[in-house]
Protein backbone atom coordinates (compact mmCIF):
# COMPACT_ATOMS: atom_id res chain seq x y z
CA MET A 1 83.00 122.04 89.48
CA ARG A 2 83.83 124.22 92.44
CA ILE A 3 85.62 122.90 95.54
CA LEU A 4 85.51 125.06 98.67
CA VAL A 5 88.23 124.47 101.29
CA THR A 6 87.54 126.13 104.65
CA ASP A 7 90.47 124.83 106.73
CA THR A 8 94.21 124.82 106.21
CA LEU A 9 95.26 121.94 103.98
CA ALA A 10 98.76 120.68 103.26
CA ASP A 11 100.30 122.00 100.03
CA SER A 12 100.41 118.47 98.61
CA GLY A 13 96.61 118.30 98.69
CA LEU A 14 96.14 121.83 97.35
CA ALA A 15 98.44 121.02 94.41
CA ILE A 16 96.21 118.10 93.42
CA LEU A 17 93.08 120.27 93.57
CA ARG A 18 94.70 123.03 91.50
CA ALA A 19 95.94 120.56 88.91
CA ALA A 20 92.46 119.20 88.15
CA SER A 21 91.44 121.02 84.98
CA ASP A 22 87.73 120.41 85.48
CA MET A 23 87.78 121.76 89.05
CA GLU A 24 87.91 125.28 90.47
CA LEU A 25 89.56 125.64 93.88
CA ASP A 26 88.19 128.21 96.32
CA TYR A 27 90.69 128.12 99.19
CA ARG A 28 89.42 130.18 102.14
CA PRO A 29 90.61 128.88 105.53
CA GLY A 30 88.63 130.34 108.42
CA LEU A 31 85.51 131.23 106.41
CA LYS A 32 82.64 131.62 108.88
CA ASP A 33 78.98 132.53 109.44
CA ALA A 34 76.99 134.26 106.68
CA ALA A 35 79.94 134.34 104.28
CA LEU A 36 80.34 130.58 104.69
CA LEU A 37 76.64 129.92 104.02
CA ALA A 38 76.68 132.12 100.93
CA THR A 39 79.83 130.53 99.54
CA VAL A 40 78.82 126.92 100.15
CA ALA A 41 75.63 127.60 98.20
CA GLU A 42 77.80 128.04 95.10
CA SER A 43 80.05 125.01 95.74
CA ASP A 44 79.89 121.42 94.52
CA ALA A 45 82.20 120.08 97.22
CA LEU A 46 83.33 121.21 100.67
CA ILE A 47 86.62 120.16 102.24
CA THR A 48 87.21 120.90 105.90
CA ARG A 49 89.12 119.61 108.89
CA SER A 50 87.82 120.36 112.39
CA GLY A 51 87.48 124.13 112.11
CA THR A 52 84.16 124.17 110.24
CA ALA A 53 80.99 122.75 111.74
CA VAL A 54 79.13 121.04 108.90
CA THR A 55 75.68 121.48 110.43
CA ALA A 56 72.26 120.77 108.96
CA GLU A 57 71.94 124.51 108.28
CA LEU A 58 75.18 124.52 106.30
CA VAL A 59 74.27 121.33 104.44
CA ASN A 60 70.85 122.69 103.49
CA ALA A 61 72.44 125.92 102.29
CA GLY A 62 74.50 123.94 99.80
CA ALA A 63 72.08 123.84 96.90
CA ARG A 64 74.78 122.39 94.61
CA LEU A 65 76.67 120.51 97.31
CA ARG A 66 77.39 116.87 96.42
CA ILE A 67 80.48 116.00 98.45
CA VAL A 68 81.72 116.80 101.96
CA GLY A 69 85.36 115.84 102.45
CA ARG A 70 86.64 115.64 106.04
CA ALA A 71 90.43 115.85 105.87
CA GLY A 72 90.97 113.49 108.79
CA VAL A 73 89.41 110.54 110.57
CA GLY A 74 86.94 112.05 113.04
CA LEU A 75 83.47 113.20 112.02
CA ASP A 76 82.39 114.99 115.19
CA ASN A 77 81.98 118.26 113.30
CA VAL A 78 79.97 116.76 110.41
CA ASP A 79 76.21 116.09 110.55
CA VAL A 80 76.37 112.89 108.55
CA ASP A 81 72.61 112.27 108.80
CA ALA A 82 71.86 115.68 107.32
CA CYS A 83 74.27 114.96 104.47
CA THR A 84 72.74 111.55 103.83
CA ALA A 85 69.23 113.00 103.75
CA ARG A 86 70.40 115.37 101.00
CA GLY A 87 72.23 112.64 99.08
CA ILE A 88 75.59 114.28 99.87
CA LEU A 89 78.51 111.88 100.02
CA VAL A 90 80.68 112.25 103.14
CA ILE A 91 84.32 111.28 102.62
CA ASN A 92 87.16 111.02 105.13
CA ALA A 93 90.69 109.60 105.31
CA PRO A 94 90.42 106.75 107.82
CA THR A 95 93.81 105.15 107.23
CA ALA A 96 96.01 108.22 106.92
CA ASN A 97 97.04 108.38 110.58
CA ILE A 98 97.55 104.68 111.34
CA MET A 99 101.33 104.86 111.42
CA SER A 100 101.32 108.17 113.29
CA ALA A 101 99.07 106.76 116.03
CA THR A 102 101.23 103.63 116.20
CA GLU A 103 104.44 105.61 116.65
CA HIS A 104 102.84 108.01 119.15
CA THR A 105 101.83 105.01 121.26
CA MET A 106 105.42 103.75 121.33
CA ALA A 107 106.75 107.27 122.00
CA MET A 108 104.40 107.75 124.94
CA LEU A 109 105.28 104.30 126.32
CA LEU A 110 109.02 104.97 126.18
CA ALA A 111 108.64 108.47 127.61
CA LEU A 112 106.60 107.06 130.48
CA CYS A 113 108.95 104.18 131.28
CA ARG A 114 112.04 106.40 131.23
CA ASN A 115 110.51 109.46 132.96
CA ILE A 116 111.53 111.65 130.03
CA PRO A 117 109.13 114.60 130.56
CA GLU A 118 110.08 114.95 134.25
CA ALA A 119 113.80 114.47 133.56
CA HIS A 120 113.72 117.12 130.84
CA ALA A 121 111.95 119.61 133.11
CA SER A 122 114.43 118.90 135.92
CA VAL A 123 117.47 119.64 133.76
CA LYS A 124 115.83 122.80 132.40
CA ARG A 125 115.44 123.95 136.02
CA GLY A 126 119.20 123.55 136.48
CA GLU A 127 118.97 120.35 138.53
CA TRP A 128 121.13 117.24 138.16
CA ASN A 129 119.41 114.44 140.06
CA ARG A 130 120.08 111.22 138.17
CA SER A 131 118.95 108.86 140.91
CA LYS A 132 115.48 110.42 140.94
CA PHE A 133 114.68 109.16 137.45
CA LEU A 134 114.97 105.39 137.76
CA GLY A 135 113.18 103.90 134.76
CA THR A 136 111.99 100.47 133.65
CA GLU A 137 112.87 98.45 130.54
CA LEU A 138 110.45 97.05 128.01
CA ASP A 139 112.63 94.00 127.34
CA GLY A 140 111.12 90.90 128.89
CA LYS A 141 107.81 92.56 129.75
CA THR A 142 104.37 91.40 128.60
CA LEU A 143 102.35 93.85 126.50
CA GLY A 144 98.58 93.43 126.49
CA ILE A 145 96.80 94.94 123.47
CA ILE A 146 93.04 95.46 123.63
CA GLY A 147 91.97 95.69 119.99
CA LEU A 148 94.14 93.89 117.44
CA GLY A 149 93.23 95.99 114.41
CA ARG A 150 95.42 97.98 112.07
CA ILE A 151 97.15 99.95 114.82
CA GLY A 152 97.28 97.04 117.27
CA THR A 153 98.99 94.74 114.78
CA ARG A 154 101.59 97.39 113.96
CA ILE A 155 102.32 97.95 117.64
CA THR A 156 102.84 94.19 117.97
CA VAL A 157 105.73 94.31 115.49
CA ARG A 158 107.41 97.21 117.28
CA ALA A 159 106.88 95.78 120.76
CA ARG A 160 108.51 92.49 119.78
CA ALA A 161 111.49 94.44 118.46
CA PHE A 162 111.92 95.71 122.03
CA GLY A 163 111.91 92.15 123.34
CA MET A 164 108.33 92.19 124.65
CA THR A 165 105.92 89.26 124.75
CA VAL A 166 102.58 90.26 123.22
CA ILE A 167 99.11 89.04 124.17
CA ALA A 168 95.85 90.51 122.88
CA TYR A 169 92.12 90.58 123.48
CA ASP A 170 89.80 91.16 120.53
CA PRO A 171 86.54 89.19 120.29
CA HIS A 172 85.91 90.47 116.77
CA ILE A 173 89.11 89.15 115.17
CA ALA A 174 89.46 85.68 113.66
CA PRO A 175 92.04 83.27 115.16
CA SER A 176 94.07 83.36 111.93
CA VAL A 177 94.88 87.04 112.52
CA PHE A 178 96.36 86.21 115.93
CA GLU A 179 98.36 83.39 114.34
CA LYS A 180 99.64 85.61 111.52
CA SER A 181 100.64 88.32 114.00
CA GLU A 182 102.20 85.71 116.32
CA VAL A 183 100.10 87.04 119.19
CA GLU A 184 98.49 84.93 121.90
CA SER A 185 94.72 85.40 122.05
CA VAL A 186 93.45 85.78 125.62
CA SER A 187 90.29 86.79 127.42
CA LEU A 188 89.98 90.30 128.81
CA ASP A 189 90.47 89.01 132.35
CA GLY A 190 93.47 86.98 131.22
CA LEU A 191 95.04 90.07 129.69
CA LEU A 192 94.38 92.19 132.78
CA ASN A 193 95.93 89.54 135.02
CA ARG A 194 99.09 88.97 132.98
CA ALA A 195 100.11 92.20 131.25
CA ASP A 196 102.86 94.47 132.54
CA VAL A 197 101.80 97.12 130.00
CA ILE A 198 98.25 97.57 128.66
CA THR A 199 97.32 99.63 125.62
CA VAL A 200 93.85 100.04 124.10
CA HIS A 201 93.16 100.40 120.37
CA THR A 202 89.42 100.02 119.90
CA PRO A 203 86.69 102.33 118.64
CA LEU A 204 84.45 104.02 121.20
CA THR A 205 81.17 102.10 121.03
CA ASP A 206 78.48 101.03 123.47
CA GLU A 207 80.56 97.88 123.97
CA THR A 208 83.83 99.67 124.77
CA ARG A 209 82.65 102.83 126.56
CA GLY A 210 83.90 102.55 130.14
CA MET A 211 85.17 99.01 129.54
CA ILE A 212 88.16 99.65 131.84
CA GLY A 213 86.78 100.77 135.19
CA ALA A 214 87.53 100.14 138.85
CA ASP A 215 86.61 96.44 138.68
CA GLU A 216 88.89 95.82 135.70
CA ILE A 217 91.74 97.83 137.24
CA ALA A 218 91.49 95.70 140.38
CA LYS A 219 92.29 92.63 138.25
CA MET A 220 95.49 94.19 136.88
CA LYS A 221 98.97 93.50 138.23
CA ASP A 222 100.21 95.88 140.88
CA GLY A 223 102.53 98.37 139.21
CA VAL A 224 101.07 97.97 135.72
CA VAL A 225 101.58 100.66 133.08
CA VAL A 226 98.58 101.68 130.92
CA LEU A 227 98.08 103.75 127.77
CA ASN A 228 95.12 105.29 125.97
CA ILE A 229 96.01 106.72 122.56
CA ALA A 230 92.71 105.52 121.05
CA ARG A 231 89.49 107.19 122.23
CA GLY A 232 88.50 109.08 125.35
CA GLY A 233 85.94 107.16 127.37
CA ILE A 234 87.36 103.65 127.05
CA TYR A 235 88.88 104.11 130.50
CA GLU A 236 86.74 105.47 133.32
CA GLU A 237 88.86 108.53 133.99
CA GLN A 238 88.12 108.87 137.70
CA ALA A 239 88.90 105.18 138.29
CA LEU A 240 92.18 105.57 136.40
CA ALA A 241 93.11 108.67 138.41
CA ASP A 242 92.31 106.88 141.68
CA ALA A 243 94.48 103.90 140.70
CA LEU A 244 97.39 106.19 139.80
CA ASN A 245 97.13 108.10 143.06
CA SER A 246 96.99 104.87 145.10
CA GLY A 247 99.96 103.35 143.27
CA LYS A 248 97.97 100.39 141.93
CA ILE A 249 98.88 101.63 138.45
CA ALA A 250 102.52 102.71 138.30
CA GLY A 251 102.10 105.03 135.33
CA ALA A 252 99.77 106.07 132.54
CA ALA A 253 100.11 107.82 129.18
CA VAL A 254 96.96 109.44 127.77
CA ASP A 255 96.34 111.35 124.54
CA VAL A 256 92.51 111.35 124.42
CA TYR A 257 89.78 112.40 126.84
CA VAL A 258 86.02 112.21 127.31
CA GLU A 259 85.82 116.01 127.09
CA GLU A 260 88.40 117.91 125.07
CA PRO A 261 90.05 120.11 126.22
CA PRO A 262 90.05 118.14 129.51
CA ASN A 263 89.20 121.04 131.84
CA GLY A 264 88.63 119.76 135.37
CA ASN A 265 89.59 116.23 134.37
CA PRO A 266 90.82 114.15 137.37
CA LEU A 267 93.76 112.94 135.27
CA LEU A 268 95.23 116.46 135.26
CA SER A 269 96.17 116.14 138.92
CA ALA A 270 96.90 112.40 139.00
CA LYS A 271 100.33 111.06 139.91
CA ASN A 272 102.73 109.42 137.45
CA ILE A 273 100.93 110.31 134.25
CA ILE A 274 102.02 111.96 131.02
CA LEU A 275 99.41 113.70 128.91
CA SER A 276 99.33 114.97 125.32
CA PRO A 277 96.60 117.03 123.61
CA HIS A 278 95.15 114.46 121.18
CA ILE A 279 98.12 114.60 118.82
CA GLY A 280 98.30 110.96 117.77
CA ALA A 281 97.67 111.95 114.14
CA ASN A 282 99.74 115.12 114.19
CA THR A 283 102.74 114.34 112.03
CA ILE A 284 103.87 115.99 108.81
CA GLU A 285 103.52 112.69 106.98
CA ALA A 286 100.03 111.99 108.29
CA GLN A 287 98.81 115.47 107.40
CA ASP A 288 100.26 115.08 103.90
CA ARG A 289 98.50 111.72 103.52
CA VAL A 290 95.25 113.22 104.79
CA ALA A 291 95.45 116.10 102.33
CA VAL A 292 96.40 113.94 99.35
CA GLN A 293 93.83 111.21 100.04
CA THR A 294 91.01 113.70 100.65
CA ALA A 295 91.79 115.76 97.54
CA GLU A 296 92.04 112.70 95.30
CA MET A 297 88.80 111.18 96.63
CA VAL A 298 86.78 114.40 96.38
CA ILE A 299 87.84 114.84 92.75
CA ALA A 300 87.06 111.19 91.97
CA ALA A 301 83.64 111.42 93.64
CA LEU A 302 82.75 114.62 91.77
CA ARG A 303 83.63 112.79 88.57
CA GLY A 304 81.18 110.01 89.50
CA SER A 305 83.27 107.30 91.16
CA ILE A 306 81.83 105.38 94.12
CA PHE A 307 85.22 103.93 95.00
CA VAL A 308 86.04 106.44 97.71
CA SER A 309 86.21 106.30 101.49
CA ALA A 310 82.58 107.22 102.08
CA VAL A 311 81.11 107.06 105.57
CA ASN A 312 77.49 107.14 104.42
CA LEU A 313 75.91 104.86 101.87
CA PRO A 314 77.47 105.75 98.51
CA PHE A 315 74.58 104.63 96.31
CA MET A 316 73.65 107.96 94.74
CA GLY A 317 75.06 108.38 91.27
CA LEU A 318 75.94 104.76 90.57
CA ASP A 319 76.22 104.11 86.85
CA ASP A 320 74.38 100.77 87.09
CA PRO A 321 70.77 101.44 88.19
CA ASP A 322 70.33 97.82 89.34
CA ALA A 323 73.23 97.97 91.76
CA PRO A 324 72.05 100.34 94.56
CA PRO A 325 68.98 98.38 95.77
CA PHE A 326 70.78 95.04 95.73
CA ALA A 327 73.86 96.54 97.41
CA SER A 328 71.67 98.10 100.10
CA MET A 329 69.89 94.79 100.74
CA ALA A 330 73.16 92.84 100.87
CA GLU A 331 74.57 95.28 103.40
CA LYS A 332 71.52 94.71 105.61
CA LEU A 333 72.10 90.94 105.41
CA GLY A 334 75.71 91.33 106.56
CA LEU A 335 74.69 93.68 109.36
CA PHE A 336 71.92 91.34 110.53
CA ALA A 337 74.18 88.27 110.50
CA ALA A 338 76.92 90.05 112.44
CA GLN A 339 74.46 90.89 115.23
CA ILE A 340 73.01 87.41 115.74
CA ILE A 341 76.10 85.22 115.31
CA SER A 342 78.05 84.03 118.35
CA GLY A 343 81.80 84.63 118.30
CA PRO A 344 84.06 86.47 115.85
CA ILE A 345 83.26 85.79 112.20
CA THR A 346 85.90 83.67 110.46
CA GLY A 347 84.26 82.97 107.10
CA ALA A 348 81.63 84.41 104.79
CA ALA A 349 79.90 83.47 101.53
CA VAL A 350 77.33 85.06 99.24
CA GLU A 351 75.04 83.20 96.83
CA LEU A 352 72.91 84.91 94.21
CA TRP A 353 69.93 83.44 92.37
CA GLY A 354 68.32 85.12 89.37
CA ILE A 355 70.66 88.15 89.59
CA ASP A 356 72.98 89.23 86.79
CA GLU A 357 76.52 88.06 87.41
CA ARG A 358 77.84 91.60 86.87
CA LEU A 359 76.42 92.51 90.31
CA THR A 360 78.23 89.69 92.15
CA LYS A 361 81.17 91.84 93.18
CA ILE A 362 79.30 94.85 94.50
CA ILE A 363 76.77 92.67 96.34
CA SER A 364 79.45 90.58 98.04
CA VAL A 365 81.45 93.67 99.03
CA ALA A 366 78.28 95.36 100.30
CA ALA A 367 77.55 92.32 102.50
CA LEU A 368 81.08 92.52 103.92
CA LYS A 369 80.64 96.24 104.48
CA GLY A 370 77.52 95.64 106.57
CA MET A 371 79.12 92.79 108.48
CA LEU A 372 82.27 94.74 109.37
CA ASN A 373 80.87 98.17 110.19
CA LEU A 374 79.40 96.93 113.46
CA HIS A 375 82.74 96.55 115.25
CA LEU A 376 85.24 98.89 113.58
CA ALA A 377 86.32 102.40 114.42
CA GLU A 378 87.18 103.37 110.86
CA PRO A 379 84.35 103.38 108.31
CA VAL A 380 84.32 100.42 105.93
CA ASN A 381 83.54 101.23 102.31
CA PHE A 382 83.47 99.62 98.87
CA VAL A 383 87.21 100.08 98.46
CA ASN A 384 88.46 98.66 101.75
CA ALA A 385 85.79 96.13 102.79
CA GLU A 386 87.56 93.13 101.26
CA GLN A 387 90.96 94.31 102.51
CA VAL A 388 89.71 94.87 106.04
CA ALA A 389 87.95 91.49 106.02
CA HIS A 390 91.10 89.78 104.78
CA GLN A 391 93.13 91.41 107.55
CA ARG A 392 90.69 89.83 109.99
CA GLY A 393 91.05 86.41 108.44
CA ILE A 394 87.78 86.57 106.48
CA ASP A 395 87.60 85.85 102.75
CA ILE A 396 84.20 85.93 101.08
CA GLU A 397 83.19 83.34 98.49
CA PRO A 398 80.60 84.65 96.00
CA THR A 399 78.57 82.27 93.81
CA ALA A 400 76.05 83.28 91.15
CA HIS A 401 73.25 80.96 89.95
CA PRO A 402 71.53 82.27 86.80
CA VAL A 403 68.29 80.35 87.45
CA PRO A 404 66.09 81.76 90.25
CA VAL A 405 64.74 79.57 93.04
CA ASP A 406 61.58 80.30 95.09
CA TYR A 407 61.77 84.02 94.25
CA ALA A 408 62.54 86.07 91.13
CA ASN A 409 65.80 87.03 92.82
CA LEU A 410 67.46 85.91 96.03
CA VAL A 411 70.62 86.88 97.92
CA THR A 412 71.90 84.50 100.61
CA PHE A 413 74.63 85.53 103.04
CA ARG A 414 76.41 82.94 105.19
CA ALA A 415 78.69 83.81 108.08
CA SER A 416 80.55 81.37 110.28
CA SER A 417 82.52 81.56 113.51
CA ALA A 418 84.37 78.92 115.47
CA THR A 419 81.15 77.92 117.24
CA ASP A 420 78.25 79.16 115.12
CA GLU A 421 76.91 79.58 111.60
CA VAL A 422 74.28 81.99 110.34
CA CYS A 423 72.47 81.86 106.99
CA VAL A 424 70.21 84.76 105.98
CA SER A 425 68.38 85.23 102.66
CA ALA A 426 66.57 88.22 101.20
CA THR A 427 64.70 89.13 98.05
CA LEU A 428 63.93 92.38 96.29
CA PHE A 429 60.31 92.72 95.17
CA SER A 430 60.89 96.24 93.87
CA GLU A 431 63.63 98.85 94.15
CA LYS A 432 62.51 99.90 97.64
CA ASN A 433 60.76 96.73 98.78
CA GLN A 434 63.37 94.53 100.51
CA ARG A 435 62.40 91.45 102.49
CA ILE A 436 64.46 89.00 104.52
CA VAL A 437 62.72 85.70 103.81
CA SER A 438 64.82 83.10 105.63
CA VAL A 439 66.95 83.03 108.78
CA ASN A 440 68.84 79.82 109.61
CA ASN A 441 66.35 77.72 107.60
CA PHE A 442 63.34 79.30 109.29
CA ARG A 443 61.00 80.67 106.61
CA VAL A 444 60.11 84.10 107.93
CA GLU A 445 59.44 87.38 106.12
CA PHE A 446 60.18 90.89 107.43
CA LYS A 447 61.50 94.27 106.38
CA PRO A 448 65.20 94.76 107.25
CA GLU A 449 64.87 98.14 108.89
CA GLY A 450 64.75 99.72 112.34
CA TYR A 451 64.96 97.79 115.62
CA VAL A 452 64.34 94.05 115.35
CA LEU A 453 64.22 91.36 118.04
CA TYR A 454 65.51 87.90 117.17
CA ILE A 455 64.06 85.29 119.53
CA ILE A 456 64.47 81.51 119.55
CA ASN A 457 62.12 79.57 121.82
CA LYS A 458 60.59 76.17 122.41
CA ASP A 459 57.44 75.73 120.33
CA VAL A 460 54.99 75.59 123.22
CA PRO A 461 51.72 77.45 123.85
CA GLY A 462 51.71 80.90 125.45
CA VAL A 463 55.09 82.26 124.33
CA VAL A 464 53.66 84.95 122.05
CA GLY A 465 51.44 86.29 124.80
CA LYS A 466 54.24 86.36 127.36
CA VAL A 467 56.59 88.13 124.95
CA GLY A 468 53.92 90.70 124.11
CA THR A 469 53.19 91.27 127.78
CA ALA A 470 56.87 91.71 128.62
CA LEU A 471 57.29 94.28 125.86
CA GLY A 472 54.12 96.07 126.87
CA ASP A 473 55.23 96.23 130.49
CA HIS A 474 58.37 98.06 129.30
CA GLU A 475 56.38 100.36 126.98
CA ILE A 476 57.83 98.86 123.80
CA ASN A 477 55.42 99.08 120.88
CA ILE A 478 55.36 96.18 118.41
CA ALA A 479 55.26 97.13 114.73
CA GLU A 480 55.38 93.59 113.31
CA TYR A 481 55.42 90.12 114.87
CA ASN A 482 56.61 87.38 112.51
CA LEU A 483 56.67 83.72 113.50
CA ALA A 484 58.24 80.58 112.08
CA ARG A 485 58.94 77.07 113.35
CA ASN A 486 60.87 74.05 112.16
CA ALA A 487 58.35 71.44 113.39
CA SER A 488 55.39 71.22 115.73
CA GLY A 489 56.67 70.98 119.27
CA GLY A 490 60.22 71.75 118.16
CA ARG A 491 61.88 75.17 118.07
CA ALA A 492 60.32 78.42 116.93
CA MET A 493 61.65 81.77 115.81
CA ALA A 494 60.13 85.18 116.30
CA ILE A 495 61.28 88.26 114.40
CA ILE A 496 59.68 91.26 116.08
CA THR A 497 60.02 94.76 114.70
CA VAL A 498 59.65 97.35 117.47
CA ASP A 499 59.42 101.14 117.48
CA SER A 500 62.29 101.77 119.89
CA ALA A 501 65.37 100.12 121.36
CA LEU A 502 65.05 97.86 124.39
CA ASP A 503 67.02 98.62 127.53
CA PHE A 504 68.80 96.01 129.66
CA GLU A 505 65.77 95.41 131.87
CA ALA A 506 63.47 94.73 128.91
CA ILE A 507 65.94 92.27 127.36
CA THR A 508 66.32 90.55 130.73
CA ALA A 509 62.53 90.24 131.04
CA LEU A 510 62.34 88.47 127.68
CA LYS A 511 65.20 86.12 128.56
CA SER A 512 63.48 85.21 131.81
CA ILE A 513 60.51 83.68 129.96
CA LYS A 514 60.87 79.93 130.56
CA ALA A 515 60.50 78.76 126.95
CA VAL A 516 62.81 81.43 125.49
CA GLU A 517 66.28 80.12 124.59
CA GLU A 518 67.87 83.12 122.88
CA VAL A 519 67.17 86.85 122.57
CA LYS A 520 69.17 89.30 120.49
CA GLN A 521 68.43 92.90 119.61
CA VAL A 522 69.33 93.94 116.07
CA LYS A 523 69.53 97.44 114.62
CA LEU A 524 69.15 97.71 110.84
């Protein structure tokens, strides 16, 4: 099998590729245009970093292509949808740069607090002005971490070593993770009000894009220090620049930007800021880990293993033909539950009826994968789903019942938070015919795909008409409208499949209907 590498790769990774006796390495960094298209057509796997755009054209040119390996975390240069449509597995190395990003955060914080870049430049100019560079200590200060994931927890350890008190905001982490990390859990406003230093470590999602703007900055302490070594766009850059120039924020350290390179960015001319060119992952060790992990996973995937860090559904090529449809359905159950539950999930369980016990593991891991992918920056796969869940204080309890009940087969996924519990069941009528058949003891049947509205309302006349009118007024077409109720005059549930996503105004219109108690939009 032929592996084409089109970007520079560390020698440690190349050595692994060359040592594989059943693989042929074609190492051509910088391969472009027609030559690239012609060469990828004769390759079974492609490994790249950021220098090659893996477009739909390139994917479709790869007649033999089965694997795309991105030697890094980001996937901006890979058309994952095009790969998925062709059944091509996309692999990356999501954990390789965790320590590098952690250490870069601490390096930027120390450089900022001790004015190191300016002091260095001053001495190089032949100056000797010690009083100009009066710094601040970390000891005794309060660090606020937004996003207590893998990087956030590691920063906690290092910050405490400097004598800092650590508080954190993360609505998607179980309380046990805060306890284990010895970190106080606070609200976002509580963090903004109390922290002397604020660092963000979240993915860039619809929830986090622009989450720190002018209103949030106004709630911060005067003279606060802020860092963004995570993703460009979490801070509103103009608001951050304004706060630096006014002195509200005493200093900032930034490694990532909305547009890169940051030409014309207001942060370039802001006061009291140090900037780096997105180098959080740029260490010798991280690049070695990236190369080794990518090489090993590409070889394993070409040999038929699904246990790789895949960012798209790794169901093609599974040895067990019964596994892919059940794994796909279980993932949808986890994804659905994560979108309707209130509060961070703290516990999970899977029950199987009429399904061979050999599938228990893959089904339970698939459910975790769906549940976790909603809130995490790094892709969750079959290898790391249980580990990532455990790090967030979630352990899944699978149970298999050999005798079916109600249906020939049934998968039930339960998720619980401190304040809520969700129970969702689904059955497989055929390999491609999945149905969710119960949600929180409401017997309702619908396909788990596309955009779905989950509505709880009082069981009174006229609700269906009002909901339909509200959707029609906002030009939302209904594909399916499924109803269930627990008792006459009690509470009712509607599961509505729609053709397009609802905007804020449409959701507000539904919530304003008098009998409606709860509205949530789900994407499956």
